[in-house]
């Protein structure tokens, strides 16, 4: 019975509320913060649960009045509305009962890298980065460039950004994969449409306690920073390249003038990449169906096409096509794509339950 499934959530919410009200946390702010966050996470399902219990109670009351000569017809009409409300609330509850992704509250690193298509791919890396930037601004998130490698023709060969804010991973975890762009390059004199591709990896930010790196597994090189065309960016050897020998992962950072700061940023990205590798390995062990339901940052699959001549954006995973490419890219309106992806993911999770 659905009501029975809701009881533990209500009890836990009330228990936390009583603790927060009755105890003095002036000497243990960390504990208070943890309890407040847990209470906040429970609040949505508890609010819907309370509404659902009220509706069930009202349905019971109205059914008892069906044989009443005066109130029977009124009760019958009200029951119709209550049943619709009950079904709506049950749909909401099923979604809220889906096991929470442990990374949904995390900040993320997004790594965009030019693939096939040469200069045009690098230009699109810049275009998609700026579209994500606008989306972040729309949601009051902050964006920090961790590392970038400029392309001589404009755009980026590669750019890694850190996005911080509320529920960042939960919104952007489905962006990982190959993004294909179809358009006429500025250098194309015949007006022919060219196809190029970039890869996107989405990685949750990790705490030091979540991933342990043996320093003997690292090879750290220091070199002079260089910009487009090889010109010197800094006059000191501040660029840092870190190689994680067991995995072969290489992270380079040269955006900061300080060697220490470049090393610090490179280590953060390395930890995120190693942690993301662990996530992918776990998903592979759990099977393909689980992997397909989770935004893993996997670059192997083509997930989306951006067709500029047709003003079309198509997400191939859910057969979604919108003829609003210009608005989505220019104004950062990615919710138009993300919301259907989340709804599809939730539907898959409910059907597998």
C-alpha atoms as a PDB file:
ATOM      1  CA  UNK A   1       0.000   0.000   0.000  1.00  0.00           C
ATOM      2  CA  UNK A   2       1.368   3.387  -1.024  1.00  0.00           C
ATOM      3  CA  UNK A   3       0.452   5.044   2.282  1.00  0.00           C
ATOM      4  CA  UNK A   4       2.564   2.509   4.171  1.00  0.00           C
ATOM      5  CA  UNK A   5       5.617   3.407   2.070  1.00  0.00           C
ATOM      6  CA  UNK A   6       5.244   7.045   3.105  1.00  0.00           C
ATOM      7  CA  UNK A   7       5.184   6.465   6.865  1.00  0.00           C
ATOM      8  CA  UNK A   8       9.000   6.169   7.336  1.00  0.00           C
ATOM      9  CA  UNK A   9       9.570   9.473   5.528  1.00  0.00           C
ATOM     10  CA  UNK A  10       7.037  11.337   7.696  1.00  0.00           C
ATOM     11  CA  UNK A  11       8.416   9.784  10.886  1.00  0.00           C
ATOM     12  CA  UNK A  12      12.003  10.663   9.979  1.00  0.00           C
ATOM     13  CA  UNK A  13      11.041  14.234   9.058  1.00  0.00           C
ATOM     14  CA  UNK A  14       9.225  14.734  12.383  1.00  0.00           C
ATOM     15  CA  UNK A  15      12.107  13.156  14.281  1.00  0.00           C
ATOM     16  CA  UNK A  16      14.646  15.547  12.716  1.00  0.00           C
ATOM     17  CA  UNK A  17      12.324  18.495  13.300  1.00  0.00           C
ATOM     18  CA  UNK A  18      12.029  17.627  17.009  1.00  0.00           C
ATOM     19  CA  UNK A  19      15.814  17.363  17.330  1.00  0.00           C
ATOM     20  CA  UNK A  20      16.386  20.716  15.612  1.00  0.00           C
ATOM     21  CA  UNK A  21      13.807  22.421  17.813  1.00  0.00           C
ATOM     22  CA  UNK A  22      14.840  20.888  21.135  1.00  0.00           C
ATOM     23  CA  UNK A  23      18.635  20.830  20.975  1.00  0.00           C
ATOM     24  CA  UNK A  24      21.240  23.577  21.128  1.00  0.00           C
ATOM     25  CA  UNK A  25      23.608  23.265  18.154  1.00  0.00           C
ATOM     26  CA  UNK A  26      25.724  26.330  18.903  1.00  0.00           C
ATOM     27  CA  UNK A  27      28.745  24.086  19.501  1.00  0.00           C
ATOM     28  CA  UNK A  28      28.039  21.681  16.658  1.00  0.00           C
ATOM     29  CA  UNK A  29      27.140  23.676  13.568  1.00  0.00           C
ATOM     30  CA  UNK A  30      28.210  20.801  11.280  1.00  0.00           C
ATOM     31  CA  UNK A  31      25.642  18.431  12.830  1.00  0.00           C
ATOM     32  CA  UNK A  32      22.903  21.036  12.551  1.00  0.00           C
ATOM     33  CA  UNK A  33      23.787  21.635   8.893  1.00  0.00           C
ATOM     34  CA  UNK A  34      23.642  17.892   8.149  1.00  0.00           C
ATOM     35  CA  UNK A  35      20.251  17.509   9.858  1.00  0.00           C
ATOM     36  CA  UNK A  36      18.860  20.608   8.138  1.00  0.00           C
ATOM     37  CA  UNK A  37      19.977  19.297   4.748  1.00  0.00           C
ATOM     38  CA  UNK A  38      18.425  15.879   5.423  1.00  0.00           C
ATOM     39  CA  UNK A  39      15.194  17.557   6.502  1.00  0.00           C
ATOM     40  CA  UNK A  40      15.224  19.711   3.360  1.00  0.00           C
ATOM     41  CA  UNK A  41      15.663  16.602   1.184  1.00  0.00           C
ATOM     42  CA  UNK A  42      12.713  14.915   2.894  1.00  0.00           C
ATOM     43  CA  UNK A  43      10.424  17.942   2.743  1.00  0.00           C
ATOM     44  CA  UNK A  44       9.119  17.497  -0.847  1.00  0.00           C
ATOM     45  CA  UNK A  45       7.938  13.921  -0.338  1.00  0.00           C
ATOM     46  CA  UNK A  46       6.555  14.662   3.153  1.00  0.00           C
ATOM     47  CA  UNK A  47       4.526  17.608   1.831  1.00  0.00           C
ATOM     48  CA  UNK A  48       3.037  15.456  -0.951  1.00  0.00           C
ATOM     49  CA  UNK A  49       2.497  12.585   1.512  1.00  0.00           C
ATOM     50  CA  UNK A  50       0.475  14.839   3.835  1.00  0.00           C
ATOM     51  CA  UNK A  51      -1.675  16.030   0.930  1.00  0.00           C
ATOM     52  CA  UNK A  52      -2.166  12.434  -0.206  1.00  0.00           C
ATOM     53  CA  UNK A  53      -3.251  11.329   3.276  1.00  0.00           C
ATOM     54  CA  UNK A  54      -5.752  14.206   3.399  1.00  0.00           C
ATOM     55  CA  UNK A  55      -7.188  13.189   0.028  1.00  0.00           C
ATOM     56  CA  UNK A  56      -7.479   9.521   1.092  1.00  0.00           C
ATOM     57  CA  UNK A  57      -9.260  10.625   4.240  1.00  0.00           C
ATOM     58  CA  UNK A  58     -11.644  12.846   2.242  1.00  0.00           C
ATOM     59  CA  UNK A  59     -12.390   9.990  -0.168  1.00  0.00           C
ATOM     60  CA  UNK A  60     -13.261   7.745   2.773  1.00  0.00           C
ATOM     61  CA  UNK A  61     -15.541  10.416   4.273  1.00  0.00           C
ATOM     62  CA  UNK A  62     -17.339  11.034   0.978  1.00  0.00           C
ATOM     63  CA  UNK A  63     -17.875   7.327   0.326  1.00  0.00           C
ATOM     64  CA  UNK A  64     -19.635   7.074   3.678  1.00  0.00           C
ATOM     65  CA  UNK A  65     -22.085   9.754   2.492  1.00  0.00           C
ATOM     66  CA  UNK A  66     -23.059   8.139  -0.824  1.00  0.00           C
ATOM     67  CA  UNK A  67     -26.246   6.620   0.608  1.00  0.00           C
ATOM     68  CA  UNK A  68     -27.279   9.874   2.261  1.00  0.00           C
ATOM     69  CA  UNK A  69     -30.418  11.298   0.610  1.00  0.00           C
ATOM     70  CA  UNK A  70     -29.301  14.927   0.954  1.00  0.00           C
ATOM     71  CA  UNK A  71     -25.534  14.704   0.549  1.00  0.00           C
ATOM     72  CA  UNK A  72     -25.149  11.654  -1.683  1.00  0.00           C
ATOM     73  CA  UNK A  73     -25.070  13.489  -5.032  1.00  0.00           C
ATOM     74  CA  UNK A  74     -22.685  16.132  -3.676  1.00  0.00           C
ATOM     75  CA  UNK A  75     -20.406  13.405  -2.326  1.00  0.00           C
ATOM     76  CA  UNK A  76     -20.442  11.632  -5.699  1.00  0.00           C
ATOM     77  CA  UNK A  77     -19.326  14.805  -7.524  1.00  0.00           C
ATOM     78  CA  UNK A  78     -16.627  15.504  -4.980  1.00  0.00           C
ATOM     79  CA  UNK A  79     -15.358  11.932  -5.259  1.00  0.00           C
ATOM     80  CA  UNK A  80     -14.707  12.423  -8.977  1.00  0.00           C
ATOM     81  CA  UNK A  81     -12.447  15.401  -8.250  1.00  0.00           C
ATOM     82  CA  UNK A  82     -10.742  13.627  -5.340  1.00  0.00           C
ATOM     83  CA  UNK A  83      -9.948  10.562  -7.482  1.00  0.00           C
ATOM     84  CA  UNK A  84      -8.282  12.780 -10.102  1.00  0.00           C
ATOM     85  CA  UNK A  85      -6.320  14.536  -7.346  1.00  0.00           C
ATOM     86  CA  UNK A  86      -5.389  11.166  -5.840  1.00  0.00           C
ATOM     87  CA  UNK A  87      -4.015   9.889  -9.164  1.00  0.00           C
ATOM     88  CA  UNK A  88      -1.978  13.073  -9.684  1.00  0.00           C
ATOM     89  CA  UNK A  89      -0.466  12.802  -6.209  1.00  0.00           C
ATOM     90  CA  UNK A  90       0.327   9.109  -6.722  1.00  0.00           C
ATOM     91  CA  UNK A  91       2.252  10.009  -9.890  1.00  0.00           C
ATOM     92  CA  UNK A  92       4.218  12.630  -7.940  1.00  0.00           C
ATOM     93  CA  UNK A  93       4.917  10.174  -5.126  1.00  0.00           C
ATOM     94  CA  UNK A  94       6.212   7.482  -7.502  1.00  0.00           C
ATOM     95  CA  UNK A  95       8.699   9.991  -8.884  1.00  0.00           C
ATOM     96  CA  UNK A  96       9.723  11.155  -5.396  1.00  0.00           C
ATOM     97  CA  UNK A  97      10.220   7.526  -4.309  1.00  0.00           C
ATOM     98  CA  UNK A  98      12.784   6.919  -7.060  1.00  0.00           C
ATOM     99  CA  UNK A  99      16.127   6.254  -5.313  1.00  0.00           C
ATOM    100  CA  UNK A 100      18.083   9.490  -5.236  1.00  0.00           C
ATOM    101  CA  UNK A 101      21.227   9.690  -7.325  1.00  0.00           C
ATOM    102  CA  UNK A 102      23.990  10.212  -4.721  1.00  0.00           C
ATOM    103  CA  UNK A 103      25.650  12.806  -6.967  1.00  0.00           C
ATOM    104  CA  UNK A 104      22.572  14.949  -7.720  1.00  0.00           C
ATOM    105  CA  UNK A 105      23.546  17.635  -5.193  1.00  0.00           C
ATOM    106  CA  UNK A 106      27.128  17.813  -6.435  1.00  0.00           C
ATOM    107  CA  UNK A 107      28.836  20.576  -8.355  1.00  0.00           C
ATOM    108  CA  UNK A 108      30.271  19.370 -11.654  1.00  0.00           C
ATOM    109  CA  UNK A 109      33.176  19.613 -14.019  1.00  0.00           C
ATOM    110  CA  UNK A 110      32.220  19.727 -17.683  1.00  0.00           C
ATOM    111  CA  UNK A 111      34.950  18.916 -20.171  1.00  0.00           C
ATOM    112  CA  UNK A 112      34.277  19.903 -23.791  1.00  0.00           C
ATOM    113  CA  UNK A 113      36.720  18.657 -26.414  1.00  0.00           C
ATOM    114  CA  UNK A 114      36.838  19.165 -30.201  1.00  0.00           C
ATOM    115  CA  UNK A 115      36.501  15.923 -32.146  1.00  0.00           C
ATOM    116  CA  UNK A 116      36.080  15.339 -35.868  1.00  0.00           C
ATOM    117  CA  UNK A 117      35.747  18.442 -37.985  1.00  0.00           C
ATOM    118  CA  UNK A 118      38.910  20.358 -37.170  1.00  0.00           C
ATOM    119  CA  UNK A 119      38.444  24.123 -36.820  1.00  0.00           C
ATOM    120  CA  UNK A 120      34.664  23.941 -37.020  1.00  0.00           C
ATOM    121  CA  UNK A 121      34.567  21.487 -34.100  1.00  0.00           C
ATOM    122  CA  UNK A 122      36.748  23.825 -32.011  1.00  0.00           C
ATOM    123  CA  UNK A 123      34.443  26.748 -32.816  1.00  0.00           C
ATOM    124  CA  UNK A 124      31.426  24.717 -31.696  1.00  0.00           C
ATOM    125  CA  UNK A 125      33.169  23.864 -28.407  1.00  0.00           C
ATOM    126  CA  UNK A 126      33.199  27.612 -27.779  1.00  0.00           C
ATOM    127  CA  UNK A 127      29.557  27.957 -28.850  1.00  0.00           C
ATOM    128  CA  UNK A 128      28.345  25.168 -26.551  1.00  0.00           C
ATOM    129  CA  UNK A 129      30.477  26.454 -23.668  1.00  0.00           C
ATOM    130  CA  UNK A 130      28.856  29.891 -23.974  1.00  0.00           C
ATOM    131  CA  UNK A 131      25.390  28.289 -24.181  1.00  0.00           C
ATOM    132  CA  UNK A 132      26.092  26.374 -20.949  1.00  0.00           C
ATOM    133  CA  UNK A 133      27.350  29.622 -19.427  1.00  0.00           C
ATOM    134  CA  UNK A 134      24.031  31.326 -20.214  1.00  0.00           C
ATOM    135  CA  UNK A 135      22.109  28.358 -18.826  1.00  0.00           C
ATOM    136  CA  UNK A 136      24.151  28.592 -15.609  1.00  0.00           C
ATOM    137  CA  UNK A 137      23.401  32.310 -15.376  1.00  0.00           C
ATOM    138  CA  UNK A 138      19.681  31.585 -15.796  1.00  0.00           C
ATOM    139  CA  UNK A 139      19.834  29.230 -12.796  1.00  0.00           C
ATOM    140  CA  UNK A 140      22.082  31.491 -10.684  1.00  0.00           C
ATOM    141  CA  UNK A 141      24.990  29.057 -10.811  1.00  0.00           C
ATOM    142  CA  UNK A 142      28.621  30.144 -10.927  1.00  0.00           C
ATOM    143  CA  UNK A 143      31.119  29.014 -13.562  1.00  0.00           C
ATOM    144  CA  UNK A 144      34.897  28.835 -13.258  1.00  0.00           C
ATOM    145  CA  UNK A 145      37.247  27.916 -16.086  1.00  0.00           C
ATOM    146  CA  UNK A 146      39.612  25.225 -14.819  1.00  0.00           C
ATOM    147  CA  UNK A 147      41.662  24.887 -17.990  1.00  0.00           C
ATOM    148  CA  UNK A 148      41.369  25.822 -21.647  1.00  0.00           C
ATOM    149  CA  UNK A 149      43.290  25.277 -24.852  1.00  0.00           C
ATOM    150  CA  UNK A 150      42.460  27.884 -27.492  1.00  0.00           C
ATOM    151  CA  UNK A 151      42.118  27.112 -31.181  1.00  0.00           C
ATOM    152  CA  UNK A 152      43.879  29.314 -33.732  1.00  0.00           C
ATOM    153  CA  UNK A 153      40.630  29.643 -35.700  1.00  0.00           C
ATOM    154  CA  UNK A 154      38.596  30.628 -32.634  1.00  0.00           C
ATOM    155  CA  UNK A 155      36.884  28.535 -30.006  1.00  0.00           C
ATOM    156  CA  UNK A 156      38.680  25.882 -28.008  1.00  0.00           C
ATOM    157  CA  UNK A 157      40.425  22.613 -28.674  1.00  0.00           C
ATOM    158  CA  UNK A 158      39.415  21.780 -25.116  1.00  0.00           C
ATOM    159  CA  UNK A 159      37.891  23.587 -22.149  1.00  0.00           C
ATOM    160  CA  UNK A 160      37.157  22.330 -18.638  1.00  0.00           C
ATOM    161  CA  UNK A 161      34.756  24.294 -16.423  1.00  0.00           C
ATOM    162  CA  UNK A 162      33.536  23.926 -12.848  1.00  0.00           C
ATOM    163  CA  UNK A 163      29.848  24.752 -12.328  1.00  0.00           C
ATOM    164  CA  UNK A 164      28.682  25.372  -8.775  1.00  0.00           C
ATOM    165  CA  UNK A 165      25.112  25.739  -7.557  1.00  0.00           C
ATOM    166  CA  UNK A 166      21.924  24.019  -6.481  1.00  0.00           C
ATOM    167  CA  UNK A 167      21.301  20.584  -8.044  1.00  0.00           C
ATOM    168  CA  UNK A 168      23.850  21.139 -10.834  1.00  0.00           C
ATOM    169  CA  UNK A 169      24.635  17.469 -11.465  1.00  0.00           C
ATOM    170  CA  UNK A 170      20.945  16.508 -11.415  1.00  0.00           C
ATOM    171  CA  UNK A 171      20.271  18.949 -14.269  1.00  0.00           C
ATOM    172  CA  UNK A 172      23.351  18.430 -16.436  1.00  0.00           C
ATOM    173  CA  UNK A 173      24.258  14.769 -15.912  1.00  0.00           C
ATOM    174  CA  UNK A 174      22.652  13.798 -19.222  1.00  0.00           C
ATOM    175  CA  UNK A 175      24.917  16.093 -21.276  1.00  0.00           C
ATOM    176  CA  UNK A 176      27.767  13.577 -21.466  1.00  0.00           C
ATOM    177  CA  UNK A 177      28.416  12.098 -24.906  1.00  0.00           C
ATOM    178  CA  UNK A 178      29.087  13.118 -28.500  1.00  0.00           C
ATOM    179  CA  UNK A 179      27.415  16.300 -29.736  1.00  0.00           C
ATOM    180  CA  UNK A 180      27.213  16.616 -33.529  1.00  0.00           C
ATOM    181  CA  UNK A 181      26.883  19.980 -35.311  1.00  0.00           C
ATOM    182  CA  UNK A 182      25.751  20.550 -38.896  1.00  0.00           C
ATOM    183  CA  UNK A 183      26.202  24.012 -40.431  1.00  0.00           C
ATOM    184  CA  UNK A 184      27.905  26.040 -43.155  1.00  0.00           C
ATOM    185  CA  UNK A 185      31.326  27.229 -41.923  1.00  0.00           C
ATOM    186  CA  UNK A 186      32.254  30.881 -42.482  1.00  0.00           C
ATOM    187  CA  UNK A 187      35.121  29.717 -44.702  1.00  0.00           C
ATOM    188  CA  UNK A 188      32.836  27.645 -46.945  1.00  0.00           C
ATOM    189  CA  UNK A 189      32.427  29.549 -50.228  1.00  0.00           C
ATOM    190  CA  UNK A 190      30.094  27.011 -51.855  1.00  0.00           C
ATOM    191  CA  UNK A 191      27.533  27.111 -49.037  1.00  0.00           C
ATOM    192  CA  UNK A 192      27.920  23.412 -48.254  1.00  0.00           C
ATOM    193  CA  UNK A 193      26.849  22.061 -44.888  1.00  0.00           C
ATOM    194  CA  UNK A 194      29.700  20.493 -42.905  1.00  0.00           C
ATOM    195  CA  UNK A 195      29.296  17.970 -40.098  1.00  0.00           C
ATOM    196  CA  UNK A 196      31.633  18.005 -37.105  1.00  0.00           C
ATOM    197  CA  UNK A 197      31.502  16.651 -33.580  1.00  0.00           C
ATOM    198  CA  UNK A 198      32.674  17.428 -30.074  1.00  0.00           C
ATOM    199  CA  UNK A 199      32.700  15.296 -26.950  1.00  0.00           C
ATOM    200  CA  UNK A 200      31.371  16.290 -23.548  1.00  0.00           C
ATOM    201  CA  UNK A 201      32.177  14.643 -20.229  1.00  0.00           C
ATOM    202  CA  UNK A 202      30.241  15.465 -17.051  1.00  0.00           C
ATOM    203  CA  UNK A 203      32.011  14.675 -13.785  1.00  0.00           C
ATOM    204  CA  UNK A 204      30.798  15.300 -10.222  1.00  0.00           C
ATOM    205  CA  UNK A 205      33.134  17.338  -8.030  1.00  0.00           C
ATOM    206  CA  UNK A 206      34.629  15.109  -5.349  1.00  0.00           C
ATOM    207  CA  UNK A 207      35.911  15.738  -1.855  1.00  0.00           C
ATOM    208  CA  UNK A 208      39.403  14.669  -0.871  1.00  0.00           C
ATOM    209  CA  UNK A 209      37.947  11.922   1.318  1.00  0.00           C
ATOM    210  CA  UNK A 210      36.106  10.401  -1.651  1.00  0.00           C
ATOM    211  CA  UNK A 211      39.176   9.578  -3.700  1.00  0.00           C
ATOM    212  CA  UNK A 212      42.656   8.680  -2.546  1.00  0.00           C
ATOM    213  CA  UNK A 213      45.614   9.248  -4.869  1.00  0.00           C
ATOM    214  CA  UNK A 214      49.002   7.745  -4.159  1.00  0.00           C
ATOM    215  CA  UNK A 215      51.585  10.464  -4.830  1.00  0.00           C
ATOM    216  CA  UNK A 216      54.004   7.843  -6.187  1.00  0.00           C
ATOM    217  CA  UNK A 217      51.469   7.209  -8.996  1.00  0.00           C
ATOM    218  CA  UNK A 218      51.834  10.775 -10.257  1.00  0.00           C
ATOM    219  CA  UNK A 219      54.289  12.263 -12.735  1.00  0.00           C
ATOM    220  CA  UNK A 220      54.273  16.056 -12.514  1.00  0.00           C
ATOM    221  CA  UNK A 221      55.894  18.178 -15.223  1.00  0.00           C
ATOM    222  CA  UNK A 222      56.323  21.942 -15.151  1.00  0.00           C
ATOM    223  CA  UNK A 223      56.636  23.906 -18.361  1.00  0.00           C
ATOM    224  CA  UNK A 224      56.181  27.330 -19.899  1.00  0.00           C
ATOM    225  CA  UNK A 225      52.620  28.320 -20.696  1.00  0.00           C
ATOM    226  CA  UNK A 226      51.786  28.907 -24.335  1.00  0.00           C
ATOM    227  CA  UNK A 227      48.810  30.431 -26.092  1.00  0.00           C
ATOM    228  CA  UNK A 228      47.497  30.408 -29.653  1.00  0.00           C
ATOM    229  CA  UNK A 229      50.241  30.186 -32.241  1.00  0.00           C
ATOM    230  CA  UNK A 230      52.764  29.325 -29.581  1.00  0.00           C
ATOM    231  CA  UNK A 231      53.113  32.812 -28.150  1.00  0.00           C
ATOM    232  CA  UNK A 232      54.207  32.960 -24.526  1.00  0.00           C
ATOM    233  CA  UNK A 233      51.442  33.649 -22.023  1.00  0.00           C
ATOM    234  CA  UNK A 234      53.625  33.848 -18.929  1.00  0.00           C
ATOM    235  CA  UNK A 235      57.326  34.486 -18.560  1.00  0.00           C
ATOM    236  CA  UNK A 236      57.691  31.806 -15.894  1.00  0.00           C
ATOM    237  CA  UNK A 237      57.405  28.030 -16.010  1.00  0.00           C
ATOM    238  CA  UNK A 238      53.923  28.015 -14.480  1.00  0.00           C
ATOM    239  CA  UNK A 239      52.051  25.464 -16.614  1.00  0.00           C
ATOM    240  CA  UNK A 240      51.588  22.081 -14.967  1.00  0.00           C
ATOM    241  CA  UNK A 241      50.997  18.642 -16.508  1.00  0.00           C
ATOM    242  CA  UNK A 242      50.021  15.791 -14.178  1.00  0.00           C
ATOM    243  CA  UNK A 243      50.053  12.203 -15.411  1.00  0.00           C
ATOM    244  CA  UNK A 244      48.331   9.509 -13.373  1.00  0.00           C
ATOM    245  CA  UNK A 245      50.521   6.561 -14.318  1.00  0.00           C
ATOM    246  CA  UNK A 246      48.168   3.619 -13.496  1.00  0.00           C
ATOM    247  CA  UNK A 247      45.235   5.008 -15.520  1.00  0.00           C
ATOM    248  CA  UNK A 248      47.158   6.993 -18.112  1.00  0.00           C
ATOM    249  CA  UNK A 249      44.992  10.069 -17.447  1.00  0.00           C
ATOM    250  CA  UNK A 250      46.808  13.329 -18.213  1.00  0.00           C
ATOM    251  CA  UNK A 251      45.649  16.723 -16.948  1.00  0.00           C
ATOM    252  CA  UNK A 252      47.265  19.994 -18.005  1.00  0.00           C
ATOM    253  CA  UNK A 253      46.617  23.442 -16.571  1.00  0.00           C
ATOM    254  CA  UNK A 254      48.110  26.747 -17.633  1.00  0.00           C
ATOM    255  CA  UNK A 255      45.322  29.280 -17.060  1.00  0.00           C
ATOM    256  CA  UNK A 256      46.816  30.744 -13.885  1.00  0.00           C
ATOM    257  CA  UNK A 257      50.045  32.700 -13.499  1.00  0.00           C
ATOM    258  CA  UNK A 258      50.852  30.770 -10.330  1.00  0.00           C
ATOM    259  CA  UNK A 259      52.390  27.321 -10.716  1.00  0.00           C
ATOM    260  CA  UNK A 260      50.910  26.361  -7.346  1.00  0.00           C
ATOM    261  CA  UNK A 261      47.420  27.425  -8.464  1.00  0.00           C
ATOM    262  CA  UNK A 262      47.739  25.543 -11.766  1.00  0.00           C
ATOM    263  CA  UNK A 263      48.797  22.406  -9.912  1.00  0.00           C
ATOM    264  CA  UNK A 264      45.903  22.774  -7.461  1.00  0.00           C
ATOM    265  CA  UNK A 265      43.357  23.092 -10.292  1.00  0.00           C
ATOM    266  CA  UNK A 266      44.898  20.219 -12.245  1.00  0.00           C
ATOM    267  CA  UNK A 267      44.699  17.953  -9.175  1.00  0.00           C
ATOM    268  CA  UNK A 268      41.002  18.770  -8.699  1.00  0.00           C
ATOM    269  CA  UNK A 269      40.229  17.856 -12.310  1.00  0.00           C
ATOM    270  CA  UNK A 270      42.343  14.697 -12.041  1.00  0.00           C
ATOM    271  CA  UNK A 271      40.398  13.577  -8.965  1.00  0.00           C
ATOM    272  CA  UNK A 272      37.105  14.211 -10.775  1.00  0.00           C
ATOM    273  CA  UNK A 273      38.277  12.201 -13.804  1.00  0.00           C
ATOM    274  CA  UNK A 274      39.446   9.282 -11.659  1.00  0.00           C
ATOM    275  CA  UNK A 275      36.198   9.320  -9.701  1.00  0.00           C
ATOM    276  CA  UNK A 276      34.216   9.434 -12.948  1.00  0.00           C
ATOM    277  CA  UNK A 277      36.217   6.437 -14.187  1.00  0.00           C
ATOM    278  CA  UNK A 278      35.167   4.552 -11.052  1.00  0.00           C
ATOM    279  CA  UNK A 279      31.516   5.474 -11.677  1.00  0.00           C
ATOM    280  CA  UNK A 280      31.673   4.188 -15.269  1.00  0.00           C
ATOM    281  CA  UNK A 281      33.328   0.950 -14.190  1.00  0.00           C
ATOM    282  CA  UNK A 282      30.587   0.368 -11.603  1.00  0.00           C
ATOM    283  CA  UNK A 283      27.894   1.058 -14.189  1.00  0.00           C
ATOM    284  CA  UNK A 284      29.457  -1.396 -16.626  1.00  0.00           C
ATOM    285  CA  UNK A 285      29.498  -4.009 -13.873  1.00  0.00           C
ATOM    286  CA  UNK A 286      25.803  -3.326 -13.171  1.00  0.00           C
ATOM    287  CA  UNK A 287      24.881  -3.795 -16.810  1.00  0.00           C
ATOM    288  CA  UNK A 288      23.981  -1.776 -19.871  1.00  0.00           C
ATOM    289  CA  UNK A 289      20.433  -0.946 -18.756  1.00  0.00           C
ATOM    290  CA  UNK A 290      21.649   0.825 -15.644  1.00  0.00           C
ATOM    291  CA  UNK A 291      24.319   2.627 -17.634  1.00  0.00           C
ATOM    292  CA  UNK A 292      21.787   3.929 -20.126  1.00  0.00           C
ATOM    293  CA  UNK A 293      19.727   5.476 -17.342  1.00  0.00           C
ATOM    294  CA  UNK A 294      22.539   7.450 -15.755  1.00  0.00           C
ATOM    295  CA  UNK A 295      24.372  10.472 -17.131  1.00  0.00           C
ATOM    296  CA  UNK A 296      27.885   9.126 -16.865  1.00  0.00           C
ATOM    297  CA  UNK A 297      29.809  11.601 -18.975  1.00  0.00           C
ATOM    298  CA  UNK A 298      30.570   8.746 -21.362  1.00  0.00           C
ATOM    299  CA  UNK A 299      31.834  10.137 -24.671  1.00  0.00           C
ATOM    300  CA  UNK A 300      31.217   7.049 -26.789  1.00  0.00           C
ATOM    301  CA  UNK A 301      27.614   7.628 -27.824  1.00  0.00           C
ATOM    302  CA  UNK A 302      26.189  10.304 -30.146  1.00  0.00           C
ATOM    303  CA  UNK A 303      23.476  11.931 -28.085  1.00  0.00           C
ATOM    304  CA  UNK A 304      22.495  15.129 -29.881  1.00  0.00           C
ATOM    305  CA  UNK A 305      22.586  16.909 -33.239  1.00  0.00           C
ATOM    306  CA  UNK A 306      22.557  20.682 -33.717  1.00  0.00           C
ATOM    307  CA  UNK A 307      21.430  21.444 -37.286  1.00  0.00           C
ATOM    308  CA  UNK A 308      21.802  25.179 -37.931  1.00  0.00           C
ATOM    309  CA  UNK A 309      20.328  25.405 -41.470  1.00  0.00           C
ATOM    310  CA  UNK A 310      17.096  23.848 -40.156  1.00  0.00           C
ATOM    311  CA  UNK A 311      17.266  25.632 -36.749  1.00  0.00           C
ATOM    312  CA  UNK A 312      16.853  22.117 -35.324  1.00  0.00           C
ATOM    313  CA  UNK A 313      18.152  20.451 -32.175  1.00  0.00           C
ATOM    314  CA  UNK A 314      17.561  16.692 -31.872  1.00  0.00           C
ATOM    315  CA  UNK A 315      18.246  14.476 -28.867  1.00  0.00           C
ATOM    316  CA  UNK A 316      18.581  10.950 -30.232  1.00  0.00           C
ATOM    317  CA  UNK A 317      18.104   9.158 -26.892  1.00  0.00           C
ATOM    318  CA  UNK A 318      14.449  10.153 -26.595  1.00  0.00           C
ATOM    319  CA  UNK A 319      13.664  11.062 -30.224  1.00  0.00           C
ATOM    320  CA  UNK A 320      13.161  14.702 -29.248  1.00  0.00           C
ATOM    321  CA  UNK A 321      13.276  17.323 -32.006  1.00  0.00           C
ATOM    322  CA  UNK A 322      12.848  21.060 -31.436  1.00  0.00           C
ATOM    323  CA  UNK A 323      13.045  23.770 -34.070  1.00  0.00           C
ATOM    324  CA  UNK A 324      14.369  26.290 -31.562  1.00  0.00           C
ATOM    325  CA  UNK A 325      18.115  25.814 -31.851  1.00  0.00           C
ATOM    326  CA  UNK A 326      18.886  29.531 -32.114  1.00  0.00           C
ATOM    327  CA  UNK A 327      16.933  30.426 -28.968  1.00  0.00           C
ATOM    328  CA  UNK A 328      18.244  27.469 -26.954  1.00  0.00           C
ATOM    329  CA  UNK A 329      21.882  28.258 -27.786  1.00  0.00           C
ATOM    330  CA  UNK A 330      21.688  32.054 -27.618  1.00  0.00           C
ATOM    331  CA  UNK A 331      19.577  32.266 -24.463  1.00  0.00           C
ATOM    332  CA  UNK A 332      20.737  29.123 -22.671  1.00  0.00           C
ATOM    333  CA  UNK A 333      17.249  27.582 -22.703  1.00  0.00           C
ATOM    334  CA  UNK A 334      18.478  24.023 -22.125  1.00  0.00           C
ATOM    335  CA  UNK A 335      15.558  23.175 -19.853  1.00  0.00           C
ATOM    336  CA  UNK A 336      13.570  22.610 -23.059  1.00  0.00           C
ATOM    337  CA  UNK A 337      15.822  19.615 -23.716  1.00  0.00           C
ATOM    338  CA  UNK A 338      16.723  18.670 -20.147  1.00  0.00           C
ATOM    339  CA  UNK A 339      13.166  18.433 -18.766  1.00  0.00           C
ATOM    340  CA  UNK A 340      12.090  15.747 -21.305  1.00  0.00           C
ATOM    341  CA  UNK A 341      15.320  13.829 -20.576  1.00  0.00           C
ATOM    342  CA  UNK A 342      14.613  13.883 -16.837  1.00  0.00           C
ATOM    343  CA  UNK A 343      10.980  12.834 -17.412  1.00  0.00           C
ATOM    344  CA  UNK A 344      12.127   9.930 -19.600  1.00  0.00           C
ATOM    345  CA  UNK A 345      14.686   8.866 -17.001  1.00  0.00           C
ATOM    346  CA  UNK A 346      12.049   8.948 -14.254  1.00  0.00           C
ATOM    347  CA  UNK A 347       9.625   6.913 -16.372  1.00  0.00           C
ATOM    348  CA  UNK A 348      12.331   4.277 -16.965  1.00  0.00           C
ATOM    349  CA  UNK A 349      13.139   4.116 -13.246  1.00  0.00           C
ATOM    350  CA  UNK A 350       9.457   3.692 -12.318  1.00  0.00           C
ATOM    351  CA  UNK A 351       8.895   0.963 -14.934  1.00  0.00           C
ATOM    352  CA  UNK A 352      11.966  -0.925 -13.654  1.00  0.00           C
ATOM    353  CA  UNK A 353      10.843  -0.633 -10.039  1.00  0.00           C
END
